[in-house]
Amino acid sequence: MEVGGLRVASIVDRIEGPANWTVERDVHILHLYEAGSYHWLETWLDDQRTSLGDPLPGEMWLAPAGRRYHGRAKGGAVRYLEVEIPAARLAVAPGTRALAGHYDMALAALVRALAAGNAAVVDPLLAILAKTLDAMVVRPDSPAVIQRINDLMVHIQTQLEASLTVDEMAAEAGMSVNSLIVHFARATGYTPAQYMLRQRLRRACWFLMNRPLSVAEIAFATGFSSHAHLCAIFRRKLGMSPGEWRRRHITAILPPAWEE
């Protein structure tokens, strides 16, 4: 449906097996993931890897108009809200870093209100998006550096339960520590250490939603030093305990198609 000049739809996407898709449109496409699991998701904007790991409820991805957004999933089913934004309504400067796996409760609430037909939220939604994207304009790196960062992101994902130091990450990328920190932050918005913590937290959230494991077991499986460490990070980053996050989002698992 159209609300305030934007088009919005609630979509359930079911994938039986590995799948790839590419989005190249003359409008911006904003996705807010609400429920379900792809089991695995990788995304790119042009040739830059932008995210790894399953989308979580409340996370958003933006495919800017005129750029190539690519995704790959292993299967599963998700429900998301899709908002089409005319390019004339939202300026995205060249070199803007990808909005991927972005968590902003205020922005997500506006997207949900838009999906409910509230046209009054259009201007605030676009204003928050514009402010967020303005802070993400960076100087582009060379293709060789982009590939090193792409590869390092994959390596980090395989080492989340281990103790991977910044020195080890730099050696893996073939860069000095200082160079790695600069280029990695330019690509992702995080230092390597911050990114690794973020990915550990995202994996812990996925376990809480999808696996009947204790918080202590999840802490061990995701590289946190203890149950207390995981709880402290949850409260600092998400403002709630792991148990509260599980209670809020356990219903975000989609039932099989035959149950709907």
C-alpha atoms as a PDB file:
ATOM      1  CA  MET A   1       0.000   0.000   0.000  1.00  0.00           C
ATOM      2  CA  GLU A   2       1.014   3.617  -0.397  1.00  0.00           C
ATOM      3  CA  VAL A   3       1.335   5.791   2.706  1.00  0.00           C
ATOM      4  CA  GLY A   4       2.432   9.405   2.458  1.00  0.00           C
ATOM      5  CA  GLY A   5       4.163   8.852  -0.879  1.00  0.00           C
ATOM      6  CA  LEU A   6       6.048   5.733   0.278  1.00  0.00           C
ATOM      7  CA  ARG A   7       5.087   2.183  -0.579  1.00  0.00           C
ATOM      8  CA  VAL A   8       5.112  -0.337   2.256  1.00  0.00           C
ATOM      9  CA  ALA A   9       4.368  -4.055   2.383  1.00  0.00           C
ATOM     10  CA  SER A  10       4.649  -6.929   4.839  1.00  0.00           C
ATOM     11  CA  ILE A  11       6.354  -9.865   3.133  1.00  0.00           C
ATOM     12  CA  VAL A  12       6.955 -13.479   4.130  1.00  0.00           C
ATOM     13  CA  ASP A  13       9.889 -14.950   2.219  1.00  0.00           C
ATOM     14  CA  ARG A  14      10.342 -18.734   2.267  1.00  0.00           C
ATOM     15  CA  ILE A  15      13.460 -20.292   0.745  1.00  0.00           C
ATOM     16  CA  GLU A  16      13.702 -24.055   0.347  1.00  0.00           C
ATOM     17  CA  GLY A  17      17.475 -24.078  -0.133  1.00  0.00           C
ATOM     18  CA  PRO A  18      20.475 -21.882  -0.992  1.00  0.00           C
ATOM     19  CA  ALA A  19      19.412 -18.775  -2.895  1.00  0.00           C
ATOM     20  CA  ASN A  20      20.951 -15.576  -4.275  1.00  0.00           C
ATOM     21  CA  TRP A  21      19.233 -12.323  -5.183  1.00  0.00           C
ATOM     22  CA  THR A  22      20.221  -8.909  -6.482  1.00  0.00           C
ATOM     23  CA  VAL A  23      18.380  -5.622  -6.047  1.00  0.00           C
ATOM     24  CA  GLU A  24      19.065  -2.742  -8.441  1.00  0.00           C
ATOM     25  CA  ARG A  25      16.219  -0.240  -8.382  1.00  0.00           C
ATOM     26  CA  ASP A  26      15.559   3.434  -9.021  1.00  0.00           C
ATOM     27  CA  VAL A  27      14.045   3.713  -5.535  1.00  0.00           C
ATOM     28  CA  HIS A  28      15.568   3.067  -2.116  1.00  0.00           C
ATOM     29  CA  ILE A  29      14.451  -0.206  -0.513  1.00  0.00           C
ATOM     30  CA  LEU A  30      14.402  -0.415   3.290  1.00  0.00           C
ATOM     31  CA  HIS A  31      13.873  -3.800   4.958  1.00  0.00           C
ATOM     32  CA  LEU A  32      12.925  -4.207   8.615  1.00  0.00           C
ATOM     33  CA  TYR A  33      13.186  -7.855   9.678  1.00  0.00           C
ATOM     34  CA  GLU A  34      10.432  -8.880  12.071  1.00  0.00           C
ATOM     35  CA  ALA A  35      10.468 -12.658  12.455  1.00  0.00           C
ATOM     36  CA  GLY A  36      11.913 -15.912  11.228  1.00  0.00           C
ATOM     37  CA  SER A  37      15.325 -17.188  10.244  1.00  0.00           C
ATOM     38  CA  TYR A  38      17.242 -17.612   6.998  1.00  0.00           C
ATOM     39  CA  HIS A  39      19.686 -19.912   8.866  1.00  0.00           C
ATOM     40  CA  TRP A  40      22.411 -17.796   7.269  1.00  0.00           C
ATOM     41  CA  LEU A  41      22.489 -14.468   5.464  1.00  0.00           C
ATOM     42  CA  GLU A  42      25.276 -12.636   3.657  1.00  0.00           C
ATOM     43  CA  THR A  43      24.811  -9.230   2.042  1.00  0.00           C
ATOM     44  CA  TRP A  44      26.896  -6.925  -0.162  1.00  0.00           C
ATOM     45  CA  LEU A  45      26.513  -3.391  -1.426  1.00  0.00           C
ATOM     46  CA  ASP A  46      28.290  -3.226  -4.776  1.00  0.00           C
ATOM     47  CA  ASP A  47      31.486  -5.214  -4.029  1.00  0.00           C
ATOM     48  CA  GLN A  48      31.675  -4.479  -0.300  1.00  0.00           C
ATOM     49  CA  ARG A  49      30.523  -7.188   2.081  1.00  0.00           C
ATOM     50  CA  THR A  50      28.078  -5.577   4.500  1.00  0.00           C
ATOM     51  CA  SER A  51      26.847  -8.281   6.873  1.00  0.00           C
ATOM     52  CA  LEU A  52      27.147 -11.914   7.895  1.00  0.00           C
ATOM     53  CA  GLY A  53      24.781 -13.913  10.059  1.00  0.00           C
ATOM     54  CA  ASP A  54      21.056 -14.308  10.387  1.00  0.00           C
ATOM     55  CA  PRO A  55      18.914 -11.161  10.553  1.00  0.00           C
ATOM     56  CA  LEU A  56      17.387 -10.485  13.954  1.00  0.00           C
ATOM     57  CA  PRO A  57      14.021  -8.906  14.785  1.00  0.00           C
ATOM     58  CA  GLY A  58      14.342  -5.130  14.578  1.00  0.00           C
ATOM     59  CA  GLU A  59      17.401  -5.064  12.293  1.00  0.00           C
ATOM     60  CA  MET A  60      17.298  -3.061   9.061  1.00  0.00           C
ATOM     61  CA  TRP A  61      19.017  -3.127   5.678  1.00  0.00           C
ATOM     62  CA  LEU A  62      18.898  -0.408   3.017  1.00  0.00           C
ATOM     63  CA  ALA A  63      19.419  -0.975  -0.716  1.00  0.00           C
ATOM     64  CA  PRO A  64      20.065   2.561  -2.063  1.00  0.00           C
ATOM     65  CA  ALA A  65      18.665   3.581  -5.438  1.00  0.00           C
ATOM     66  CA  GLY A  66      21.084   3.124  -8.312  1.00  0.00           C
ATOM     67  CA  ARG A  67      23.411   0.744  -6.447  1.00  0.00           C
ATOM     68  CA  ARG A  68      23.688  -3.046  -6.526  1.00  0.00           C
ATOM     69  CA  TYR A  69      22.571  -4.828  -3.379  1.00  0.00           C
ATOM     70  CA  HIS A  70      23.238  -8.549  -3.298  1.00  0.00           C
ATOM     71  CA  GLY A  71      22.087 -11.173  -0.800  1.00  0.00           C
ATOM     72  CA  ARG A  72      22.687 -14.872  -0.252  1.00  0.00           C
ATOM     73  CA  ALA A  73      20.856 -17.179   2.141  1.00  0.00           C
ATOM     74  CA  LYS A  74      20.953 -20.903   2.878  1.00  0.00           C
ATOM     75  CA  GLY A  75      17.212 -21.325   3.296  1.00  0.00           C
ATOM     76  CA  GLY A  76      14.490 -20.744   5.846  1.00  0.00           C
ATOM     77  CA  ALA A  77      11.684 -18.232   6.197  1.00  0.00           C
ATOM     78  CA  VAL A  78      11.470 -14.637   7.377  1.00  0.00           C
ATOM     79  CA  ARG A  79       8.849 -11.932   7.647  1.00  0.00           C
ATOM     80  CA  TYR A  80       9.899  -8.368   6.994  1.00  0.00           C
ATOM     81  CA  LEU A  81       8.486  -4.955   6.236  1.00  0.00           C
ATOM     82  CA  GLU A  82       9.615  -3.457   2.929  1.00  0.00           C
ATOM     83  CA  VAL A  83       9.486   0.283   2.337  1.00  0.00           C
ATOM     84  CA  GLU A  84      10.045   1.815  -1.104  1.00  0.00           C
ATOM     85  CA  ILE A  85      11.358   5.365  -0.836  1.00  0.00           C
ATOM     86  CA  PRO A  86      11.541   7.552  -3.975  1.00  0.00           C
ATOM     87  CA  ALA A  87      15.114   8.688  -4.615  1.00  0.00           C
ATOM     88  CA  ALA A  88      13.955  12.305  -4.614  1.00  0.00           C
ATOM     89  CA  ARG A  89      12.733  11.940  -0.994  1.00  0.00           C
ATOM     90  CA  LEU A  90      16.052  10.717   0.464  1.00  0.00           C
ATOM     91  CA  ALA A  91      19.547  11.780  -0.622  1.00  0.00           C
ATOM     92  CA  VAL A  92      22.234   9.097  -0.309  1.00  0.00           C
ATOM     93  CA  ALA A  93      25.659  10.577  -1.013  1.00  0.00           C
ATOM     94  CA  PRO A  94      28.238   8.657  -3.063  1.00  0.00           C
ATOM     95  CA  GLY A  95      30.534   6.704  -0.755  1.00  0.00           C
ATOM     96  CA  THR A  96      27.893   6.234   1.927  1.00  0.00           C
ATOM     97  CA  ARG A  97      28.659   3.123   3.933  1.00  0.00           C
ATOM     98  CA  ALA A  98      25.979   0.444   3.810  1.00  0.00           C
ATOM     99  CA  LEU A  99      23.149   0.434   6.328  1.00  0.00           C
ATOM    100  CA  ALA A 100      23.127  -3.278   7.180  1.00  0.00           C
ATOM    101  CA  GLY A 101      22.048  -5.092  10.320  1.00  0.00           C
ATOM    102  CA  HIS A 102      21.209  -1.645  11.688  1.00  0.00           C
ATOM    103  CA  TYR A 103      19.375  -1.607  15.020  1.00  0.00           C
ATOM    104  CA  ASP A 104      17.484   1.552  15.930  1.00  0.00           C
ATOM    105  CA  MET A 105      14.337   1.063  17.996  1.00  0.00           C
ATOM    106  CA  ALA A 106      12.970   4.535  17.203  1.00  0.00           C
ATOM    107  CA  LEU A 107      13.398   4.063  13.465  1.00  0.00           C
ATOM    108  CA  ALA A 108      11.921   0.556  13.608  1.00  0.00           C
ATOM    109  CA  ALA A 109       8.878   1.898  15.473  1.00  0.00           C
ATOM    110  CA  LEU A 110       8.319   4.470  12.729  1.00  0.00           C
ATOM    111  CA  VAL A 111       8.530   1.789  10.026  1.00  0.00           C
ATOM    112  CA  ARG A 112       5.933  -0.289  11.884  1.00  0.00           C
ATOM    113  CA  ALA A 113       3.684   2.743  12.262  1.00  0.00           C
ATOM    114  CA  LEU A 114       4.019   3.398   8.535  1.00  0.00           C
ATOM    115  CA  ALA A 115       3.010  -0.211   7.825  1.00  0.00           C
ATOM    116  CA  ALA A 116      -0.051   0.393  10.006  1.00  0.00           C
ATOM    117  CA  GLY A 117      -1.047   3.245   7.669  1.00  0.00           C
ATOM    118  CA  ASN A 118       0.126   6.252   9.705  1.00  0.00           C
ATOM    119  CA  ALA A 119       1.212   8.879   7.159  1.00  0.00           C
ATOM    120  CA  ALA A 120       2.285  11.277   9.938  1.00  0.00           C
ATOM    121  CA  VAL A 121       5.456   9.240  10.528  1.00  0.00           C
ATOM    122  CA  VAL A 122       6.830   9.680   6.988  1.00  0.00           C
ATOM    123  CA  ASP A 123       8.742  12.910   7.622  1.00  0.00           C
ATOM    124  CA  PRO A 124      10.250  11.781  10.968  1.00  0.00           C
ATOM    125  CA  LEU A 125      11.225   8.441   9.399  1.00  0.00           C
ATOM    126  CA  LEU A 126      12.977  10.114   6.474  1.00  0.00           C
ATOM    127  CA  ALA A 127      14.651  12.627   8.796  1.00  0.00           C
ATOM    128  CA  ILE A 128      16.157   9.868  10.997  1.00  0.00           C
ATOM    129  CA  LEU A 129      17.284   7.931   7.944  1.00  0.00           C
ATOM    130  CA  ALA A 130      18.892  11.008   6.409  1.00  0.00           C
ATOM    131  CA  LYS A 131      20.725  11.879   9.635  1.00  0.00           C
ATOM    132  CA  THR A 132      21.937   8.294  10.019  1.00  0.00           C
ATOM    133  CA  LEU A 133      23.198   8.104   6.440  1.00  0.00           C
ATOM    134  CA  ASP A 134      24.881  11.514   6.596  1.00  0.00           C
ATOM    135  CA  ALA A 135      27.089  10.158   9.388  1.00  0.00           C
ATOM    136  CA  MET A 136      28.080   7.175   7.233  1.00  0.00           C
ATOM    137  CA  VAL A 137      29.719   8.983   4.300  1.00  0.00           C
ATOM    138  CA  VAL A 138      33.302   7.727   3.948  1.00  0.00           C
ATOM    139  CA  ARG A 139      36.178   7.898   1.497  1.00  0.00           C
ATOM    140  CA  PRO A 140      36.094   4.721  -0.642  1.00  0.00           C
ATOM    141  CA  ASP A 141      38.938   2.219  -0.413  1.00  0.00           C
ATOM    142  CA  SER A 142      40.712   0.443  -3.237  1.00  0.00           C
ATOM    143  CA  PRO A 143      39.302  -2.885  -4.514  1.00  0.00           C
ATOM    144  CA  ALA A 144      42.302  -4.706  -3.020  1.00  0.00           C
ATOM    145  CA  VAL A 145      41.646  -3.290   0.448  1.00  0.00           C
ATOM    146  CA  ILE A 146      37.912  -3.977   0.144  1.00  0.00           C
ATOM    147  CA  GLN A 147      38.657  -7.617  -0.661  1.00  0.00           C
ATOM    148  CA  ARG A 148      40.941  -7.926   2.368  1.00  0.00           C
ATOM    149  CA  ILE A 149      38.211  -6.569   4.624  1.00  0.00           C
ATOM    150  CA  ASN A 150      35.628  -8.843   2.999  1.00  0.00           C
ATOM    151  CA  ASP A 151      37.822 -11.880   3.662  1.00  0.00           C
ATOM    152  CA  LEU A 152      38.594 -10.819   7.226  1.00  0.00           C
ATOM    153  CA  MET A 153      34.894 -10.500   8.031  1.00  0.00           C
ATOM    154  CA  VAL A 154      34.444 -14.136   7.006  1.00  0.00           C
ATOM    155  CA  HIS A 155      37.453 -15.176   9.097  1.00  0.00           C
ATOM    156  CA  ILE A 156      36.118 -13.346  12.151  1.00  0.00           C
ATOM    157  CA  GLN A 157      32.775 -15.108  11.764  1.00  0.00           C
ATOM    158  CA  THR A 158      34.503 -18.507  12.017  1.00  0.00           C
ATOM    159  CA  GLN A 159      36.350 -17.450  15.179  1.00  0.00           C
ATOM    160  CA  LEU A 160      33.601 -15.908  17.304  1.00  0.00           C
ATOM    161  CA  GLU A 161      33.913 -18.525  20.035  1.00  0.00           C
ATOM    162  CA  ALA A 162      37.702 -18.110  20.135  1.00  0.00           C
ATOM    163  CA  SER A 163      39.972 -15.379  21.455  1.00  0.00           C
ATOM    164  CA  LEU A 164      41.055 -13.526  18.310  1.00  0.00           C
ATOM    165  CA  THR A 165      43.284 -10.524  18.977  1.00  0.00           C
ATOM    166  CA  VAL A 166      43.554  -7.402  16.846  1.00  0.00           C
ATOM    167  CA  ASP A 167      47.170  -8.362  16.094  1.00  0.00           C
ATOM    168  CA  GLU A 168      45.948 -11.717  14.748  1.00  0.00           C
ATOM    169  CA  MET A 169      43.255 -10.018  12.684  1.00  0.00           C
ATOM    170  CA  ALA A 170      45.831  -7.641  11.218  1.00  0.00           C
ATOM    171  CA  ALA A 171      48.111 -10.540  10.328  1.00  0.00           C
ATOM    172  CA  GLU A 172      45.198 -12.365   8.693  1.00  0.00           C
ATOM    173  CA  ALA A 173      44.418  -9.261   6.602  1.00  0.00           C
ATOM    174  CA  GLY A 174      48.082  -8.586   5.768  1.00  0.00           C
ATOM    175  CA  MET A 175      47.938  -5.095   7.284  1.00  0.00           C
ATOM    176  CA  SER A 176      49.462  -3.236  10.187  1.00  0.00           C
ATOM    177  CA  VAL A 177      47.197  -2.889  13.219  1.00  0.00           C
ATOM    178  CA  ASN A 178      46.736   0.855  12.659  1.00  0.00           C
ATOM    179  CA  SER A 179      45.957   0.398   8.976  1.00  0.00           C
ATOM    180  CA  LEU A 180      43.473  -2.364   9.721  1.00  0.00           C
ATOM    181  CA  ILE A 181      41.633  -0.280  12.313  1.00  0.00           C
ATOM    182  CA  VAL A 182      41.295   2.646   9.884  1.00  0.00           C
ATOM    183  CA  HIS A 183      40.145   0.599   6.880  1.00  0.00           C
ATOM    184  CA  PHE A 184      37.912  -1.764   8.862  1.00  0.00           C
ATOM    185  CA  ALA A 185      36.110   1.129  10.532  1.00  0.00           C
ATOM    186  CA  ARG A 186      35.709   2.828   7.167  1.00  0.00           C
ATOM    187  CA  ALA A 187      34.040  -0.302   5.768  1.00  0.00           C
ATOM    188  CA  THR A 188      31.911  -1.325   8.738  1.00  0.00           C
ATOM    189  CA  GLY A 189      31.633   1.597  11.153  1.00  0.00           C
ATOM    190  CA  TYR A 190      33.352  -0.469  13.862  1.00  0.00           C
ATOM    191  CA  THR A 191      36.873  -1.263  14.947  1.00  0.00           C
ATOM    192  CA  PRO A 192      37.733  -4.953  14.485  1.00  0.00           C
ATOM    193  CA  ALA A 193      37.289  -5.590  18.217  1.00  0.00           C
ATOM    194  CA  GLN A 194      33.933  -3.782  18.291  1.00  0.00           C
ATOM    195  CA  TYR A 195      32.780  -5.704  15.232  1.00  0.00           C
ATOM    196  CA  MET A 196      33.729  -9.056  16.753  1.00  0.00           C
ATOM    197  CA  LEU A 197      31.808  -8.216  19.935  1.00  0.00           C
ATOM    198  CA  ARG A 198      28.806  -7.153  17.871  1.00  0.00           C
ATOM    199  CA  GLN A 199      28.827 -10.407  15.907  1.00  0.00           C
ATOM    200  CA  ARG A 200      29.125 -12.441  19.097  1.00  0.00           C
ATOM    201  CA  LEU A 201      26.139 -10.582  20.506  1.00  0.00           C
ATOM    202  CA  ARG A 202      24.103 -11.152  17.332  1.00  0.00           C
ATOM    203  CA  ARG A 203      24.902 -14.874  17.426  1.00  0.00           C
ATOM    204  CA  ALA A 204      23.923 -15.025  21.102  1.00  0.00           C
ATOM    205  CA  CYS A 205      20.596 -13.382  20.239  1.00  0.00           C
ATOM    206  CA  TRP A 206      20.024 -15.971  17.517  1.00  0.00           C
ATOM    207  CA  PHE A 207      20.730 -18.824  19.945  1.00  0.00           C
ATOM    208  CA  LEU A 208      18.357 -17.338  22.501  1.00  0.00           C
ATOM    209  CA  MET A 209      15.586 -17.193  19.928  1.00  0.00           C
ATOM    210  CA  ASN A 210      16.221 -20.517  18.205  1.00  0.00           C
ATOM    211  CA  ARG A 211      17.902 -22.956  20.614  1.00  0.00           C
ATOM    212  CA  PRO A 212      16.764 -24.293  24.037  1.00  0.00           C
ATOM    213  CA  LEU A 213      20.160 -23.628  25.622  1.00  0.00           C
ATOM    214  CA  SER A 214      20.882 -21.978  28.939  1.00  0.00           C
ATOM    215  CA  VAL A 215      22.382 -18.497  28.997  1.00  0.00           C
ATOM    216  CA  ALA A 216      25.622 -19.992  30.358  1.00  0.00           C
ATOM    217  CA  GLU A 217      25.766 -22.479  27.460  1.00  0.00           C
ATOM    218  CA  ILE A 218      25.155 -19.701  24.956  1.00  0.00           C
ATOM    219  CA  ALA A 219      27.857 -17.547  26.545  1.00  0.00           C
ATOM    220  CA  PHE A 220      30.361 -20.380  26.129  1.00  0.00           C
ATOM    221  CA  ALA A 221      29.251 -21.080  22.532  1.00  0.00           C
ATOM    222  CA  THR A 222      29.595 -17.442  21.470  1.00  0.00           C
ATOM    223  CA  GLY A 223      32.968 -16.555  22.974  1.00  0.00           C
ATOM    224  CA  PHE A 224      31.903 -14.680  26.097  1.00  0.00           C
ATOM    225  CA  SER A 225      34.013 -15.389  29.161  1.00  0.00           C
ATOM    226  CA  SER A 226      31.081 -16.181  31.423  1.00  0.00           C
ATOM    227  CA  HIS A 227      27.340 -15.989  31.996  1.00  0.00           C
ATOM    228  CA  ALA A 228      27.912 -12.698  33.844  1.00  0.00           C
ATOM    229  CA  HIS A 229      29.952 -11.257  30.949  1.00  0.00           C
ATOM    230  CA  LEU A 230      27.180 -12.005  28.444  1.00  0.00           C
ATOM    231  CA  CYS A 231      24.548 -10.507  30.752  1.00  0.00           C
ATOM    232  CA  ALA A 232      26.621  -7.349  31.221  1.00  0.00           C
ATOM    233  CA  ILE A 233      27.062  -6.902  27.456  1.00  0.00           C
ATOM    234  CA  PHE A 234      23.331  -7.458  26.883  1.00  0.00           C
ATOM    235  CA  ARG A 235      22.402  -4.791  29.394  1.00  0.00           C
ATOM    236  CA  ARG A 236      24.971  -2.339  28.035  1.00  0.00           C
ATOM    237  CA  LYS A 237      24.139  -2.833  24.350  1.00  0.00           C
ATOM    238  CA  LEU A 238      20.454  -3.809  24.358  1.00  0.00           C
ATOM    239  CA  GLY A 239      19.196  -2.493  27.676  1.00  0.00           C
ATOM    240  CA  MET A 240      17.854  -5.835  28.884  1.00  0.00           C
ATOM    241  CA  SER A 241      18.967  -9.243  30.135  1.00  0.00           C
ATOM    242  CA  PRO A 242      19.387 -12.254  27.814  1.00  0.00           C
ATOM    243  CA  GLY A 243      16.349 -13.832  29.444  1.00  0.00           C
ATOM    244  CA  GLU A 244      14.208 -10.788  28.729  1.00  0.00           C
ATOM    245  CA  TRP A 245      15.401 -10.691  25.118  1.00  0.00           C
ATOM    246  CA  ARG A 246      14.452 -14.372  24.753  1.00  0.00           C
ATOM    247  CA  ARG A 247      10.980 -13.800  26.207  1.00  0.00           C
ATOM    248  CA  ARG A 248      10.377 -10.858  23.875  1.00  0.00           C
ATOM    249  CA  HIS A 249      11.516 -12.591  20.711  1.00  0.00           C
ATOM    250  CA  ILE A 250      10.832 -16.310  21.111  1.00  0.00           C
ATOM    251  CA  THR A 251       7.531 -15.739  19.284  1.00  0.00           C
ATOM    252  CA  ALA A 252       9.469 -14.276  16.354  1.00  0.00           C
ATOM    253  CA  ILE A 253      10.037 -17.803  15.024  1.00  0.00           C
ATOM    254  CA  LEU A 254       7.783 -18.399  12.020  1.00  0.00           C
ATOM    255  CA  PRO A 255       5.704 -21.595  12.009  1.00  0.00           C
ATOM    256  CA  PRO A 256       5.991 -24.008   9.068  1.00  0.00           C
ATOM    257  CA  ALA A 257       3.900 -23.099   6.032  1.00  0.00           C
ATOM    258  CA  TRP A 258       1.410 -25.889   6.682  1.00  0.00           C
ATOM    259  CA  GLU A 259       0.624 -24.466  10.155  1.00  0.00           C
ATOM    260  CA  GLU A 260      -0.261 -21.003   8.866  1.00  0.00           C
END
